[in-house]
Protein backbone atom coordinates (compact mmCIF):
# COMPACT_ATOMS: atom_id res chain seq x y z
CA MET A 1 0.00 0.00 0.00
CA PRO A 2 1.27 3.50 -0.75
CA GLU A 3 2.61 5.30 2.31
CA THR A 4 0.40 8.34 1.62
CA PHE A 5 -2.71 6.17 1.74
CA LEU A 6 -1.63 4.55 5.00
CA SER A 7 -0.89 7.89 6.65
CA TYR A 8 -4.40 9.16 5.92
CA PHE A 9 -6.28 5.87 6.28
CA GLY A 10 -7.57 6.72 9.77
CA ASP A 11 -8.98 10.00 8.51
CA LEU A 12 -10.97 8.39 5.71
CA SER A 13 -13.77 7.44 8.06
CA ARG A 14 -13.94 10.97 9.44
CA SER A 15 -13.89 14.30 7.67
CA ALA A 16 -10.83 13.94 5.40
CA LEU A 17 -13.04 13.73 2.34
CA ASP A 18 -15.23 16.68 3.33
CA PHE A 19 -12.69 19.13 1.94
CA TYR A 20 -10.45 19.38 -1.07
CA SER A 21 -6.79 18.85 -0.24
CA CYS A 22 -4.65 22.00 -0.47
CA PHE A 23 -1.13 23.04 -1.34
CA LEU A 24 -0.33 26.22 0.61
CA SER A 25 1.90 28.69 -1.28
CA TYR A 26 3.55 31.80 0.16
CA ALA A 27 6.98 33.40 0.57
CA GLU A 28 9.08 33.28 3.73
CA PRO A 29 8.27 36.89 4.82
CA ASP A 30 4.63 35.73 5.17
CA ASP A 31 5.58 32.72 7.30
CA SER A 32 3.77 33.85 10.46
CA PHE A 33 0.52 34.08 8.48
CA GLY A 34 1.28 30.87 6.56
CA GLN A 35 1.97 28.94 9.75
CA LYS A 36 -1.26 30.17 11.34
CA LEU A 37 -3.33 29.39 8.25
CA TYR A 38 -1.76 25.94 7.87
CA ARG A 39 -2.43 25.08 11.51
CA ASP A 40 -6.03 26.32 11.35
CA MET A 41 -6.81 24.61 8.04
CA CYS A 42 -5.47 21.32 9.39
CA ALA A 43 -7.52 21.78 12.58
CA ALA A 44 -10.60 22.29 10.39
CA GLY A 45 -10.00 18.90 8.77
CA ILE A 46 -8.37 20.11 5.55
CA ARG A 47 -5.44 18.01 4.34
CA CYS A 48 -2.79 20.62 3.66
CA TRP A 49 0.73 20.60 2.20
CA ARG A 50 3.31 23.13 3.39
CA TRP A 51 6.91 22.64 2.35
CA LYS A 52 8.40 23.06 5.83
CA GLU A 53 6.37 20.16 7.18
CA ASP A 54 5.78 18.03 4.13
CA ALA A 55 8.66 18.22 1.62
CA LYS A 56 10.54 14.94 1.61
CA TRP A 57 14.04 15.23 2.95
CA GLY A 58 16.61 14.32 0.34
CA ASP A 59 14.41 15.30 -2.63
CA THR A 60 14.98 18.58 -4.38
CA LEU A 61 12.54 21.20 -3.17
CA MET A 62 11.27 21.90 -6.70
CA LYS A 63 10.57 18.18 -7.26
CA SER A 64 8.62 18.00 -3.99
CA ILE A 65 6.68 21.14 -4.84
CA ASP A 66 5.84 20.05 -8.39
CA GLU A 67 4.65 16.65 -7.17
CA ALA A 68 2.51 18.20 -4.43
CA ILE A 69 0.89 20.64 -6.84
CA MET A 70 -0.06 17.72 -9.08
CA VAL A 71 -1.37 15.56 -6.20
CA TYR A 72 -3.26 18.12 -4.11
CA ASP A 73 -6.64 19.34 -5.38
CA LYS A 74 -6.25 23.08 -4.80
CA LEU A 75 -3.43 25.58 -4.49
CA VAL A 76 -4.13 28.31 -1.94
CA VAL A 77 -1.72 31.12 -2.76
CA VAL A 78 -1.06 34.03 -0.43
CA CYS A 79 -1.04 37.11 -2.66
CA SER A 80 0.97 39.66 -0.75
CA GLU A 81 3.64 41.98 -2.09
CA GLU A 82 6.32 39.72 -0.59
CA SER A 83 4.87 36.52 -2.00
CA LEU A 84 4.13 37.93 -5.44
CA ARG A 85 7.77 39.09 -5.68
CA SER A 86 8.99 35.56 -4.96
CA PRO A 87 10.09 33.56 -8.03
CA ALA A 88 9.12 30.34 -6.24
CA VAL A 89 5.56 31.54 -5.57
CA ILE A 90 5.21 32.77 -9.16
CA ARG A 91 6.36 29.32 -10.35
CA GLU A 92 3.73 27.69 -8.12
CA ILE A 93 1.01 29.98 -9.51
CA GLU A 94 2.09 29.11 -13.05
CA ARG A 95 2.03 25.37 -12.24
CA ALA A 96 -1.48 25.69 -10.78
CA LEU A 97 -2.71 27.60 -13.83
CA GLN A 98 -1.13 24.97 -16.12
CA LYS A 99 -2.99 22.32 -14.13
CA GLU A 100 -6.22 24.30 -14.62
CA ASP A 101 -5.57 24.55 -18.36
CA ASP A 102 -4.89 20.79 -18.58
CA ARG A 103 -8.02 19.93 -16.59
CA ALA A 104 -10.17 22.25 -18.71
CA ARG A 105 -8.89 20.58 -21.90
CA ARG A 106 -10.00 17.23 -20.48
CA GLY A 107 -13.44 18.59 -19.53
CA LEU A 108 -12.78 18.40 -15.77
CA ASP A 109 -13.37 20.95 -13.01
CA ALA A 110 -10.60 23.45 -13.68
CA ASN A 111 -10.72 25.47 -10.46
CA VAL A 112 -7.37 24.76 -8.84
CA LEU A 113 -5.99 28.17 -7.82
CA PHE A 114 -7.47 29.83 -4.72
CA PRO A 115 -5.85 33.28 -4.37
CA ILE A 116 -6.09 35.02 -1.00
CA ARG A 117 -4.63 38.43 -0.27
CA LEU A 118 -2.94 40.13 2.66
CA ASP A 119 -2.71 43.51 0.93
CA ASP A 120 -3.80 45.16 -2.32
CA TYR A 121 -0.53 44.58 -4.20
CA ILE A 122 -2.14 41.99 -6.48
CA PHE A 123 -4.59 44.58 -7.81
CA ASP A 124 -2.57 47.78 -7.61
CA GLU A 125 1.02 46.96 -8.54
CA TRP A 126 1.59 43.33 -9.52
CA SER A 127 2.64 42.87 -13.11
CA HIS A 128 2.68 39.39 -14.59
CA HIS A 129 1.43 37.92 -17.87
CA ARG A 130 -0.96 35.56 -15.98
CA LYS A 131 -2.33 38.33 -13.73
CA PRO A 132 -5.65 38.46 -15.66
CA ASP A 133 -6.13 34.73 -14.98
CA VAL A 134 -5.50 35.19 -11.26
CA ILE A 135 -7.58 38.32 -10.66
CA ALA A 136 -10.46 36.93 -12.74
CA LYS A 137 -11.05 34.72 -9.69
CA VAL A 138 -12.68 35.90 -6.50
CA VAL A 139 -9.65 36.74 -4.37
CA GLY A 140 -10.13 35.93 -0.69
CA ASP A 141 -9.55 38.80 1.71
CA PHE A 142 -7.26 38.18 4.69
CA CYS A 143 -6.05 41.81 4.86
CA GLY A 144 -7.23 42.05 8.47
CA TRP A 145 -5.70 38.73 9.51
CA ARG A 146 -4.08 40.20 12.64
CA ASP A 147 -7.56 40.99 14.02
CA ALA A 148 -8.99 37.76 15.48
CA GLU A 149 -12.58 38.41 14.41
CA SER A 150 -11.62 39.39 10.84
CA TYR A 151 -9.28 36.40 10.51
CA SER A 152 -11.90 34.00 11.82
CA SER A 153 -14.48 35.32 9.37
CA SER A 154 -12.06 34.96 6.44
CA LEU A 155 -11.01 31.47 7.57
CA ASP A 156 -14.67 30.41 7.81
CA ARG A 157 -15.25 31.62 4.26
CA LEU A 158 -12.14 29.85 2.95
CA THR A 159 -13.03 26.56 4.62
CA ARG A 160 -16.61 26.85 3.33
CA ASP A 161 -15.33 27.37 -0.20
CA LEU A 162 -12.90 24.45 0.10
CA LYS A 163 -15.75 22.02 0.84
CA SER A 164 -15.55 19.21 -1.69
CA ASP A 165 -18.48 18.33 -3.89
CA SER A 166 -18.63 14.94 -2.18
CA ALA A 167 -19.22 16.62 1.22
CA ASP A 168 -22.66 17.89 0.16
């Protein structure tokens, strides 16, 4: 049996299938937010991939990231100035959009990228050839993430929107 299956086998009878699985993408300057979001998404029953916890030691980081983007259902990308200036995050966005394009060609649900923002950089200053594809999506608002009530409201909305079709 594959190790991944065995590690999640116990969850299969609970809520592991209630949500899509998620790859969490952000740059190191946003680590305090990323850590908090990762912890809270996992606590909500969402199977999440974050490189610091989940990249396989000994593999190249890019190999681990590319594999995780292909395996996990959704890519939640933190769209802050710091993250959108990171070549690694841009590469992850491009991989997610390629996955969407591939899925659309095969007639499958193509919604892979879930952008969330910590500031308005994505709308006001970010320049990238795939920007129209990213901002065409409803971009989640975590701008007030340091305020507990605002963060909780945004987290509730994100977890609601990450409910899998099979959870209905």
